[in-house]
Amino acid sequence: MTQPINSEADFEENVLKAKVPVLVDFWAEWCGPCRAAAPILEELSREYEGKLSFVKVNVDENNILAARYSITNIPTMIIFRGGQPVEQIVGLRPKKELKGIIDDVLGAK
């Protein structure tokens, strides 16, 4: 289940200090491709439960976080491991492609 991030403190606790890798979905309500990505990310969050956390950052409500990670296009997904960004995915991608990227990051291949 994807968890919304509502503040920088939430981000620090749920992403930067997380025990497992975290996929952060930078999105906005008005973004069509972001809305199309949401059900794919929900499915993946169930499939990777316990191995990878999923959170959402609304760029309109958290523009400081968006600026910190140089988000200029949405959707943008960044996978963090150990509090550091290790992979960035820009744009809507099919589930199969996202799974391949996630598996690479998690070393599951």
PDB file of N, CA and C in Angstrom:
ATOM      1  N   MET A   1       0.850  -1.189   0.000  1.00  0.00           N
ATOM      2  CA  MET A   1       0.000   0.000   0.000  1.00  0.00           C
ATOM      3  C   MET A   1       0.890   1.245   0.000  1.00  0.00           C
ATOM      4  N   THR A   2       0.640   2.165  -0.901  1.00  0.00           N
ATOM      5  CA  THR A   2       1.432   3.383  -0.937  1.00  0.00           C
ATOM      6  C   THR A   2       0.976   4.327   0.164  1.00  0.00           C
ATOM      7  N   GLN A   3       1.945   4.937   0.782  1.00  0.00           N
ATOM      8  CA  GLN A   3       1.680   5.826   1.911  1.00  0.00           C
ATOM      9  C   GLN A   3       1.967   7.267   1.501  1.00  0.00           C
ATOM     10  N   PRO A   4       1.047   8.189   1.766  1.00  0.00           N
ATOM     11  CA  PRO A   4       1.322   9.588   1.423  1.00  0.00           C
ATOM     12  C   PRO A   4       2.336  10.207   2.387  1.00  0.00           C
ATOM     13  N   ILE A   5       3.191  11.045   1.837  1.00  0.00           N
ATOM     14  CA  ILE A   5       4.149  11.816   2.638  1.00  0.00           C
ATOM     15  C   ILE A   5       3.606  13.235   2.712  1.00  0.00           C
ATOM     16  N   ASN A   6       3.383  13.711   3.933  1.00  0.00           N
ATOM     17  CA  ASN A   6       2.754  15.019   4.095  1.00  0.00           C
ATOM     18  C   ASN A   6       3.694  16.114   4.569  1.00  0.00           C
ATOM     19  N   SER A   7       4.937  15.765   4.881  1.00  0.00           N
ATOM     20  CA  SER A   7       5.874  16.783   5.369  1.00  0.00           C
ATOM     21  C   SER A   7       7.304  16.287   5.204  1.00  0.00           C
ATOM     22  N   GLU A   8       8.247  17.199   5.400  1.00  0.00           N
ATOM     23  CA  GLU A   8       9.654  16.813   5.346  1.00  0.00           C
ATOM     24  C   GLU A   8       9.986  15.833   6.468  1.00  0.00           C
ATOM     25  N   ALA A   9       9.350  15.989   7.622  1.00  0.00           N
ATOM     26  CA  ALA A   9       9.579  15.064   8.741  1.00  0.00           C
ATOM     27  C   ALA A   9       9.094  13.663   8.377  1.00  0.00           C
ATOM     28  N   ASP A  10       7.923  13.569   7.731  1.00  0.00           N
ATOM     29  CA  ASP A  10       7.418  12.276   7.236  1.00  0.00           C
ATOM     30  C   ASP A  10       8.425  11.647   6.284  1.00  0.00           C
ATOM     31  N   PHE A  11       8.955  12.465   5.379  1.00  0.00           N
ATOM     32  CA  PHE A  11       9.896  11.971   4.379  1.00  0.00           C
ATOM     33  C   PHE A  11      11.145  11.425   5.064  1.00  0.00           C
ATOM     34  N   GLU A  12      11.667  12.169   6.008  1.00  0.00           N
ATOM     35  CA  GLU A  12      12.870  11.717   6.716  1.00  0.00           C
ATOM     36  C   GLU A  12      12.613  10.384   7.412  1.00  0.00           C
ATOM     37  N   GLU A  13      11.498  10.286   8.112  1.00  0.00           N
ATOM     38  CA  GLU A  13      11.178   9.071   8.872  1.00  0.00           C
ATOM     39  C   GLU A  13      10.891   7.873   7.967  1.00  0.00           C
ATOM     40  N   ASN A  14      10.086   8.081   6.925  1.00  0.00           N
ATOM     41  CA  ASN A  14       9.608   6.971   6.101  1.00  0.00           C
ATOM     42  C   ASN A  14      10.476   6.645   4.891  1.00  0.00           C
ATOM     43  N   VAL A  15      11.392   7.537   4.540  1.00  0.00           N
ATOM     44  CA  VAL A  15      12.251   7.298   3.373  1.00  0.00           C
ATOM     45  C   VAL A  15      13.721   7.258   3.786  1.00  0.00           C
ATOM     46  N   LEU A  16      14.199   8.361   4.342  1.00  0.00           N
ATOM     47  CA  LEU A  16      15.630   8.459   4.630  1.00  0.00           C
ATOM     48  C   LEU A  16      16.088   7.527   5.752  1.00  0.00           C
ATOM     49  N   LYS A  17      15.208   7.231   6.708  1.00  0.00           N
ATOM     50  CA  LYS A  17      15.564   6.350   7.825  1.00  0.00           C
ATOM     51  C   LYS A  17      14.966   4.947   7.696  1.00  0.00           C
ATOM     52  N   ALA A  18      14.390   4.637   6.543  1.00  0.00           N
ATOM     53  CA  ALA A  18      13.713   3.350   6.347  1.00  0.00           C
ATOM     54  C   ALA A  18      14.703   2.191   6.399  1.00  0.00           C
ATOM     55  N   LYS A  19      14.243   1.073   6.936  1.00  0.00           N
ATOM     56  CA  LYS A  19      15.060  -0.144   7.037  1.00  0.00           C
ATOM     57  C   LYS A  19      15.132  -0.881   5.701  1.00  0.00           C
ATOM     58  N   VAL A  20      14.104  -0.738   4.859  1.00  0.00           N
ATOM     59  CA  VAL A  20      14.081  -1.378   3.541  1.00  0.00           C
ATOM     60  C   VAL A  20      14.120  -0.290   2.474  1.00  0.00           C
ATOM     61  N   PRO A  21      14.496  -0.634   1.240  1.00  0.00           N
ATOM     62  CA  PRO A  21      14.452   0.362   0.165  1.00  0.00           C
ATOM     63  C   PRO A  21      13.045   0.929   0.006  1.00  0.00           C
ATOM     64  N   VAL A  22      12.964   2.149  -0.509  1.00  0.00           N
ATOM     65  CA  VAL A  22      11.688   2.850  -0.654  1.00  0.00           C
ATOM     66  C   VAL A  22      11.580   3.432  -2.062  1.00  0.00           C
ATOM     67  N   LEU A  23      10.447   3.179  -2.710  1.00  0.00           N
ATOM     68  CA  LEU A  23      10.148   3.823  -3.984  1.00  0.00           C
ATOM     69  C   LEU A  23       9.274   5.037  -3.681  1.00  0.00           C
ATOM     70  N   VAL A  24       9.762   6.207  -4.058  1.00  0.00           N
ATOM     71  CA  VAL A  24       9.023   7.457  -3.838  1.00  0.00           C
ATOM     72  C   VAL A  24       8.424   7.891  -5.171  1.00  0.00           C
ATOM     73  N   ASP A  25       7.103   8.008  -5.190  1.00  0.00           N
ATOM     74  CA  ASP A  25       6.375   8.451  -6.373  1.00  0.00           C
ATOM     75  C   ASP A  25       6.079   9.942  -6.224  1.00  0.00           C
ATOM     76  N   PHE A  26       6.764  10.769  -7.022  1.00  0.00           N
ATOM     77  CA  PHE A  26       6.490  12.211  -7.050  1.00  0.00           C
ATOM     78  C   PHE A  26       5.388  12.422  -8.086  1.00  0.00           C
ATOM     79  N   TRP A  27       4.253  12.989  -7.660  1.00  0.00           N
ATOM     80  CA  TRP A  27       3.066  13.075  -8.498  1.00  0.00           C
ATOM     81  C   TRP A  27       2.289  14.345  -8.190  1.00  0.00           C
ATOM     82  N   ALA A  28       1.207  14.562  -8.942  1.00  0.00           N
ATOM     83  CA  ALA A  28       0.266  15.660  -8.677  1.00  0.00           C
ATOM     84  C   ALA A  28      -1.129  15.198  -9.085  1.00  0.00           C
ATOM     85  N   GLU A  29      -2.123  15.758  -8.432  1.00  0.00           N
ATOM     86  CA  GLU A  29      -3.528  15.394  -8.673  1.00  0.00           C
ATOM     87  C   GLU A  29      -3.938  15.638 -10.123  1.00  0.00           C
ATOM     88  N   TRP A  30      -3.458  16.706 -10.733  1.00  0.00           N
ATOM     89  CA  TRP A  30      -3.861  17.107 -12.079  1.00  0.00           C
ATOM     90  C   TRP A  30      -3.129  16.346 -13.185  1.00  0.00           C
ATOM     91  N   CYS A  31      -2.179  15.491 -12.827  1.00  0.00           N
ATOM     92  CA  CYS A  31      -1.316  14.804 -13.793  1.00  0.00           C
ATOM     93  C   CYS A  31      -1.946  13.478 -14.234  1.00  0.00           C
ATOM     94  N   GLY A  32      -2.385  13.406 -15.489  1.00  0.00           N
ATOM     95  CA  GLY A  32      -2.997  12.192 -16.018  1.00  0.00           C
ATOM     96  C   GLY A  32      -2.092  10.966 -15.938  1.00  0.00           C
ATOM     97  N   PRO A  33      -0.838  11.053 -16.415  1.00  0.00           N
ATOM     98  CA  PRO A  33       0.055   9.895 -16.309  1.00  0.00           C
ATOM     99  C   PRO A  33       0.300   9.464 -14.854  1.00  0.00           C
ATOM    100  N   CYS A  34       0.274  10.419 -13.934  1.00  0.00           N
ATOM    101  CA  CYS A  34       0.434  10.081 -12.509  1.00  0.00           C
ATOM    102  C   CYS A  34      -0.745   9.239 -12.030  1.00  0.00           C
ATOM    103  N   ARG A  35      -1.940   9.629 -12.442  1.00  0.00           N
ATOM    104  CA  ARG A  35      -3.134   8.868 -12.056  1.00  0.00           C
ATOM    105  C   ARG A  35      -3.120   7.482 -12.683  1.00  0.00           C
ATOM    106  N   ALA A  36      -2.591   7.376 -13.909  1.00  0.00           N
ATOM    107  CA  ALA A  36      -2.492   6.072 -14.575  1.00  0.00           C
ATOM    108  C   ALA A  36      -1.461   5.178 -13.881  1.00  0.00           C
ATOM    109  N   ALA A  37      -0.420   5.767 -13.315  1.00  0.00           N
ATOM    110  CA  ALA A  37       0.624   4.990 -12.635  1.00  0.00           C
ATOM    111  C   ALA A  37       0.164   4.478 -11.276  1.00  0.00           C
ATOM    112  N   ALA A  38      -0.786   5.156 -10.648  1.00  0.00           N
ATOM    113  CA  ALA A  38      -1.191   4.818  -9.281  1.00  0.00           C
ATOM    114  C   ALA A  38      -1.616   3.357  -9.103  1.00  0.00           C
ATOM    115  N   PRO A  39      -2.501   2.799  -9.957  1.00  0.00           N
ATOM    116  CA  PRO A  39      -2.885   1.402  -9.742  1.00  0.00           C
ATOM    117  C   PRO A  39      -1.727   0.426  -9.963  1.00  0.00           C
ATOM    118  N   ILE A  40      -0.821   0.762 -10.870  1.00  0.00           N
ATOM    119  CA  ILE A  40       0.360  -0.086 -11.099  1.00  0.00           C
ATOM    120  C   ILE A  40       1.219  -0.107  -9.841  1.00  0.00           C
ATOM    121  N   LEU A  41       1.436   1.058  -9.256  1.00  0.00           N
ATOM    122  CA  LEU A  41       2.259   1.142  -8.044  1.00  0.00           C
ATOM    123  C   LEU A  41       1.580   0.445  -6.867  1.00  0.00           C
ATOM    124  N   GLU A  42       0.244   0.518  -6.798  1.00  0.00           N
ATOM    125  CA  GLU A  42      -0.482  -0.199  -5.736  1.00  0.00           C
ATOM    126  C   GLU A  42      -0.270  -1.707  -5.866  1.00  0.00           C
ATOM    127  N   GLU A  43      -0.365  -2.221  -7.094  1.00  0.00           N
ATOM    128  CA  GLU A  43      -0.132  -3.652  -7.323  1.00  0.00           C
ATOM    129  C   GLU A  43       1.284  -4.032  -6.915  1.00  0.00           C
ATOM    130  N   LEU A  44       2.250  -3.239  -7.346  1.00  0.00           N
ATOM    131  CA  LEU A  44       3.650  -3.528  -7.019  1.00  0.00           C
ATOM    132  C   LEU A  44       3.889  -3.466  -5.517  1.00  0.00           C
ATOM    133  N   SER A  45       3.211  -2.533  -4.834  1.00  0.00           N
ATOM    134  CA  SER A  45       3.413  -2.412  -3.383  1.00  0.00           C
ATOM    135  C   SER A  45       2.966  -3.687  -2.676  1.00  0.00           C
ATOM    136  N   ARG A  46       1.936  -4.322  -3.196  1.00  0.00           N
ATOM    137  CA  ARG A  46       1.497  -5.599  -2.604  1.00  0.00           C
ATOM    138  C   ARG A  46       2.487  -6.720  -2.937  1.00  0.00           C
ATOM    139  N   GLU A  47       2.981  -6.733  -4.168  1.00  0.00           N
ATOM    140  CA  GLU A  47       3.904  -7.788  -4.598  1.00  0.00           C
ATOM    141  C   GLU A  47       5.252  -7.714  -3.880  1.00  0.00           C
ATOM    142  N   TYR A  48       5.684  -6.521  -3.541  1.00  0.00           N
ATOM    143  CA  TYR A  48       7.001  -6.343  -2.907  1.00  0.00           C
ATOM    144  C   TYR A  48       6.896  -6.050  -1.410  1.00  0.00           C
ATOM    145  N   GLU A  49       5.748  -6.339  -0.818  1.00  0.00           N
ATOM    146  CA  GLU A  49       5.537  -6.060   0.600  1.00  0.00           C
ATOM    147  C   GLU A  49       6.647  -6.702   1.439  1.00  0.00           C
ATOM    148  N   GLY A  50       7.239  -5.908   2.322  1.00  0.00           N
ATOM    149  CA  GLY A  50       8.319  -6.382   3.181  1.00  0.00           C
ATOM    150  C   GLY A  50       9.700  -6.247   2.555  1.00  0.00           C
ATOM    151  N   LYS A  51       9.759  -6.062   1.226  1.00  0.00           N
ATOM    152  CA  LYS A  51      11.046  -5.926   0.530  1.00  0.00           C
ATOM    153  C   LYS A  51      11.301  -4.498   0.063  1.00  0.00           C
ATOM    154  N   LEU A  52      10.207  -3.780  -0.240  1.00  0.00           N
ATOM    155  CA  LEU A  52      10.291  -2.424  -0.774  1.00  0.00           C
ATOM    156  C   LEU A  52       9.052  -1.668  -0.320  1.00  0.00           C
ATOM    157  N   SER A  53       9.251  -0.503   0.282  1.00  0.00           N
ATOM    158  CA  SER A  53       8.124   0.349   0.676  1.00  0.00           C
ATOM    159  C   SER A  53       7.800   1.300  -0.468  1.00  0.00           C
ATOM    160  N   PHE A  54       6.552   1.744  -0.525  1.00  0.00           N
ATOM    161  CA  PHE A  54       6.099   2.671  -1.551  1.00  0.00           C
ATOM    162  C   PHE A  54       5.464   3.874  -0.867  1.00  0.00           C
ATOM    163  N   VAL A  55       5.914   5.078  -1.238  1.00  0.00           N
ATOM    164  CA  VAL A  55       5.323   6.309  -0.711  1.00  0.00           C
ATOM    165  C   VAL A  55       5.047   7.264  -1.866  1.00  0.00           C
ATOM    166  N   LYS A  56       4.132   8.201  -1.614  1.00  0.00           N
ATOM    167  CA  LYS A  56       3.752   9.201  -2.618  1.00  0.00           C
ATOM    168  C   LYS A  56       4.044  10.596  -2.072  1.00  0.00           C
ATOM    169  N   VAL A  57       4.639  11.432  -2.915  1.00  0.00           N
ATOM    170  CA  VAL A  57       4.881  12.828  -2.564  1.00  0.00           C
ATOM    171  C   VAL A  57       4.157  13.694  -3.587  1.00  0.00           C
ATOM    172  N   ASN A  58       3.142  14.428  -3.127  1.00  0.00           N
ATOM    173  CA  ASN A  58       2.428  15.361  -3.990  1.00  0.00           C
ATOM    174  C   ASN A  58       3.309  16.597  -4.173  1.00  0.00           C
ATOM    175  N   VAL A  59       3.766  16.829  -5.405  1.00  0.00           N
ATOM    176  CA  VAL A  59       4.708  17.920  -5.649  1.00  0.00           C
ATOM    177  C   VAL A  59       4.095  19.298  -5.418  1.00  0.00           C
ATOM    178  N   ASP A  60       2.773  19.416  -5.540  1.00  0.00           N
ATOM    179  CA  ASP A  60       2.117  20.699  -5.290  1.00  0.00           C
ATOM    180  C   ASP A  60       2.095  21.020  -3.799  1.00  0.00           C
ATOM    181  N   GLU A  61       2.000  19.990  -2.969  1.00  0.00           N
ATOM    182  CA  GLU A  61       1.935  20.187  -1.522  1.00  0.00           C
ATOM    183  C   GLU A  61       3.313  20.119  -0.858  1.00  0.00           C
ATOM    184  N   ASN A  62       4.285  19.540  -1.552  1.00  0.00           N
ATOM    185  CA  ASN A  62       5.633  19.353  -0.993  1.00  0.00           C
ATOM    186  C   ASN A  62       6.690  19.823  -1.991  1.00  0.00           C
ATOM    187  N   ASN A  63       6.566  21.095  -2.399  1.00  0.00           N
ATOM    188  CA  ASN A  63       7.481  21.591  -3.424  1.00  0.00           C
ATOM    189  C   ASN A  63       8.932  21.668  -2.959  1.00  0.00           C
ATOM    190  N   ILE A  64       9.176  21.753  -1.666  1.00  0.00           N
ATOM    191  CA  ILE A  64      10.560  21.763  -1.162  1.00  0.00           C
ATOM    192  C   ILE A  64      11.215  20.409  -1.436  1.00  0.00           C
ATOM    193  N   LEU A  65      10.480  19.320  -1.173  1.00  0.00           N
ATOM    194  CA  LEU A  65      11.019  17.988  -1.461  1.00  0.00           C
ATOM    195  C   LEU A  65      11.223  17.793  -2.959  1.00  0.00           C
ATOM    196  N   ALA A  66      10.273  18.250  -3.751  1.00  0.00           N
ATOM    197  CA  ALA A  66      10.399  18.133  -5.202  1.00  0.00           C
ATOM    198  C   ALA A  66      11.636  18.890  -5.689  1.00  0.00           C
ATOM    199  N   ALA A  67      11.866  20.073  -5.162  1.00  0.00           N
ATOM    200  CA  ALA A  67      13.036  20.861  -5.557  1.00  0.00           C
ATOM    201  C   ALA A  67      14.325  20.197  -5.094  1.00  0.00           C
ATOM    202  N   ARG A  68      14.318  19.637  -3.884  1.00  0.00           N
ATOM    203  CA  ARG A  68      15.516  18.988  -3.344  1.00  0.00           C
ATOM    204  C   ARG A  68      16.005  17.871  -4.260  1.00  0.00           C
ATOM    205  N   TYR A  69      15.067  17.154  -4.872  1.00  0.00           N
ATOM    206  CA  TYR A  69      15.436  16.027  -5.732  1.00  0.00           C
ATOM    207  C   TYR A  69      15.290  16.366  -7.219  1.00  0.00           C
ATOM    208  N   SER A  70      15.261  17.673  -7.527  1.00  0.00           N
ATOM    209  CA  SER A  70      15.251  18.182  -8.905  1.00  0.00           C
ATOM    210  C   SER A  70      14.159  17.558  -9.764  1.00  0.00           C
ATOM    211  N   ILE A  71      12.951  17.471  -9.213  1.00  0.00           N
ATOM    212  CA  ILE A  71      11.821  16.912  -9.948  1.00  0.00           C
ATOM    213  C   ILE A  71      11.284  17.982 -10.886  1.00  0.00           C
ATOM    214  N   THR A  72      11.458  17.777 -12.184  1.00  0.00           N
ATOM    215  CA  THR A  72      10.964  18.734 -13.171  1.00  0.00           C
ATOM    216  C   THR A  72       9.858  18.136 -14.032  1.00  0.00           C
ATOM    217  N   ASN A  73       9.754  16.818 -14.070  1.00  0.00           N
ATOM    218  CA  ASN A  73       8.691  16.129 -14.803  1.00  0.00           C
ATOM    219  C   ASN A  73       8.036  15.117 -13.872  1.00  0.00           C
ATOM    220  N   ILE A  74       6.735  14.951 -14.032  1.00  0.00           N
ATOM    221  CA  ILE A  74       6.044  13.939 -13.233  1.00  0.00           C
ATOM    222  C   ILE A  74       5.217  13.073 -14.162  1.00  0.00           C
ATOM    223  N   PRO A  75       4.993  11.809 -13.807  1.00  0.00           N
ATOM    224  CA  PRO A  75       5.504  11.185 -12.594  1.00  0.00           C
ATOM    225  C   PRO A  75       7.010  10.931 -12.682  1.00  0.00           C
ATOM    226  N   THR A  76       7.659  11.090 -11.541  1.00  0.00           N
ATOM    227  CA  THR A  76       9.046  10.661 -11.370  1.00  0.00           C
ATOM    228  C   THR A  76       9.074   9.783 -10.139  1.00  0.00           C
ATOM    229  N   MET A  77       9.716   8.636 -10.275  1.00  0.00           N
ATOM    230  CA  MET A  77       9.875   7.727  -9.147  1.00  0.00           C
ATOM    231  C   MET A  77      11.361   7.616  -8.836  1.00  0.00           C
ATOM    232  N   ILE A  78      11.690   7.727  -7.566  1.00  0.00           N
ATOM    233  CA  ILE A  78      13.076   7.553  -7.131  1.00  0.00           C
ATOM    234  C   ILE A  78      13.087   6.436  -6.105  1.00  0.00           C
ATOM    235  N   ILE A  79      13.998   5.482  -6.311  1.00  0.00           N
ATOM    236  CA  ILE A  79      14.167   4.410  -5.330  1.00  0.00           C
ATOM    237  C   ILE A  79      15.346   4.791  -4.430  1.00  0.00           C
ATOM    238  N   PHE A  80      15.069   4.793  -3.127  1.00  0.00           N
ATOM    239  CA  PHE A  80      16.073   5.107  -2.118  1.00  0.00           C
ATOM    240  C   PHE A  80      16.491   3.826  -1.412  1.00  0.00           C
ATOM    241  N   ARG A  81      17.783   3.710  -1.136  1.00  0.00           N
ATOM    242  CA  ARG A  81      18.294   2.609  -0.320  1.00  0.00           C
ATOM    243  C   ARG A  81      19.292   3.226   0.649  1.00  0.00           C
ATOM    244  N   GLY A  82      19.115   2.939   1.926  1.00  0.00           N
ATOM    245  CA  GLY A  82      20.001   3.521   2.931  1.00  0.00           C
ATOM    246  C   GLY A  82      19.947   5.036   2.965  1.00  0.00           C
ATOM    247  N   GLY A  83      18.797   5.591   2.644  1.00  0.00           N
ATOM    248  CA  GLY A  83      18.627   7.045   2.671  1.00  0.00           C
ATOM    249  C   GLY A  83      19.169   7.770   1.451  1.00  0.00           C
ATOM    250  N   GLN A  84      19.697   7.021   0.475  1.00  0.00           N
ATOM    251  CA  GLN A  84      20.271   7.635  -0.721  1.00  0.00           C
ATOM    252  C   GLN A  84      19.495   7.228  -1.968  1.00  0.00           C
ATOM    253  N   PRO A  85      19.302   8.164  -2.915  1.00  0.00           N
ATOM    254  CA  PRO A  85      18.648   7.785  -4.173  1.00  0.00           C
ATOM    255  C   PRO A  85      19.576   6.881  -4.988  1.00  0.00           C
ATOM    256  N   VAL A  86      19.051   5.750  -5.450  1.00  0.00           N
ATOM    257  CA  VAL A  86      19.875   4.817  -6.226  1.00  0.00           C
ATOM    258  C   VAL A  86      19.350   4.605  -7.642  1.00  0.00           C
ATOM    259  N   GLU A  87      18.094   4.987  -7.892  1.00  0.00           N
ATOM    260  CA  GLU A  87      17.517   4.814  -9.233  1.00  0.00           C
ATOM    261  C   GLU A  87      16.414   5.844  -9.417  1.00  0.00           C
ATOM    262  N   GLN A  88      16.364   6.446 -10.613  1.00  0.00           N
ATOM    263  CA  GLN A  88      15.310   7.414 -10.920  1.00  0.00           C
ATOM    264  C   GLN A  88      14.609   6.997 -12.201  1.00  0.00           C
ATOM    265  N   ILE A  89      13.283   7.016 -12.173  1.00  0.00           N
ATOM    266  CA  ILE A  89      12.462   6.631 -13.313  1.00  0.00           C
ATOM    267  C   ILE A  89      11.552   7.812 -13.620  1.00  0.00           C
ATOM    268  N   VAL A  90      11.646   8.354 -14.835  1.00  0.00           N
ATOM    269  CA  VAL A  90      10.839   9.504 -15.210  1.00  0.00           C
ATOM    270  C   VAL A  90       9.795   9.063 -16.224  1.00  0.00           C
ATOM    271  N   GLY A  91       8.547   9.421 -15.963  1.00  0.00           N
ATOM    272  CA  GLY A  91       7.462   9.123 -16.888  1.00  0.00           C
ATOM    273  C   GLY A  91       6.734   7.836 -16.544  1.00  0.00           C
ATOM    274  N   LEU A  92       5.575   7.677 -17.172  1.00  0.00           N
ATOM    275  CA  LEU A  92       4.749   6.496 -16.977  1.00  0.00           C
ATOM    276  C   LEU A  92       5.424   5.307 -17.635  1.00  0.00           C
ATOM    277  N   ARG A  93       5.582   4.226 -16.890  1.00  0.00           N
ATOM    278  CA  ARG A  93       6.207   3.010 -17.418  1.00  0.00           C
ATOM    279  C   ARG A  93       5.287   1.821 -17.188  1.00  0.00           C
ATOM    280  N   PRO A  94       5.360   0.807 -18.066  1.00  0.00           N
ATOM    281  CA  PRO A  94       4.547  -0.380 -17.846  1.00  0.00           C
ATOM    282  C   PRO A  94       5.022  -1.147 -16.612  1.00  0.00           C
ATOM    283  N   LYS A  95       4.111  -1.908 -16.034  1.00  0.00           N
ATOM    284  CA  LYS A  95       4.410  -2.662 -14.810  1.00  0.00           C
ATOM    285  C   LYS A  95       5.627  -3.567 -15.000  1.00  0.00           C
ATOM    286  N   LYS A  96       5.697  -4.253 -16.119  1.00  0.00           N
ATOM    287  CA  LYS A  96       6.810  -5.188 -16.366  1.00  0.00           C
ATOM    288  C   LYS A  96       8.160  -4.458 -16.318  1.00  0.00           C
ATOM    289  N   GLU A  97       8.219  -3.287 -16.907  1.00  0.00           N
ATOM    290  CA  GLU A  97       9.461  -2.505 -16.908  1.00  0.00           C
ATOM    291  C   GLU A  97       9.822  -2.057 -15.487  1.00  0.00           C
ATOM    292  N   LEU A  98       8.813  -1.606 -14.735  1.00  0.00           N
ATOM    293  CA  LEU A  98       9.063  -1.193 -13.347  1.00  0.00           C
ATOM    294  C   LEU A  98       9.567  -2.371 -12.514  1.00  0.00           C
ATOM    295  N   LYS A  99       8.958  -3.545 -12.715  1.00  0.00           N
ATOM    296  CA  LYS A  99       9.393  -4.738 -11.980  1.00  0.00           C
ATOM    297  C   LYS A  99      10.868  -5.038 -12.277  1.00  0.00           C
ATOM    298  N   GLY A 100      11.269  -4.921 -13.533  1.00  0.00           N
ATOM    299  CA  GLY A 100      12.664  -5.172 -13.908  1.00  0.00           C
ATOM    300  C   GLY A 100      13.619  -4.218 -13.209  1.00  0.00           C
ATOM    301  N   ILE A 101      13.248  -2.958 -13.158  1.00  0.00           N
ATOM    302  CA  ILE A 101      14.079  -1.946 -12.496  1.00  0.00           C
ATOM    303  C   ILE A 101      14.151  -2.238 -10.999  1.00  0.00           C
ATOM    304  N   ILE A 102      13.004  -2.526 -10.394  1.00  0.00           N
ATOM    305  CA  ILE A 102      12.968  -2.823  -8.955  1.00  0.00           C
ATOM    306  C   ILE A 102      13.810  -4.059  -8.650  1.00  0.00           C
ATOM    307  N   ASP A 103      13.639  -5.103  -9.451  1.00  0.00           N
ATOM    308  CA  ASP A 103      14.417  -6.334  -9.228  1.00  0.00           C
ATOM    309  C   ASP A 103      15.913  -6.069  -9.335  1.00  0.00           C
ATOM    310  N   ASP A 104      16.315  -5.238 -10.286  1.00  0.00           N
ATOM    311  CA  ASP A 104      17.740  -4.872 -10.406  1.00  0.00           C
ATOM    312  C   ASP A 104      18.232  -4.197  -9.140  1.00  0.00           C
ATOM    313  N   VAL A 105      17.459  -3.233  -8.637  1.00  0.00           N
ATOM    314  CA  VAL A 105      17.852  -2.507  -7.432  1.00  0.00           C
ATOM    315  C   VAL A 105      17.913  -3.440  -6.217  1.00  0.00           C
ATOM    316  N   LEU A 106      16.948  -4.343  -6.135  1.00  0.00           N
ATOM    317  CA  LEU A 106      16.897  -5.257  -4.986  1.00  0.00           C
ATOM    318  C   LEU A 106      17.846  -6.437  -5.142  1.00  0.00           C
ATOM    319  N   GLY A 107      18.463  -6.564  -6.332  1.00  0.00           N
ATOM    320  CA  GLY A 107      19.384  -7.680  -6.555  1.00  0.00           C
ATOM    321  C   GLY A 107      18.675  -9.009  -6.675  1.00  0.00           C
ATOM    322  N   ALA A 108      17.436  -8.989  -7.179  1.00  0.00           N
ATOM    323  CA  ALA A 108      16.603 -10.199  -7.214  1.00  0.00           C
ATOM    324  C   ALA A 108      16.794 -11.008  -8.496  1.00  0.00           C
ATOM    325  N   LYS A 109      17.637 -10.551  -9.401  1.00  0.00           N
ATOM    326  CA  LYS A 109      17.791 -11.294 -10.675  1.00  0.00           C
ATOM    327  C   LYS A 109      18.832 -12.374 -10.546  1.00  0.00           C
TER     328      LYS A 109
END
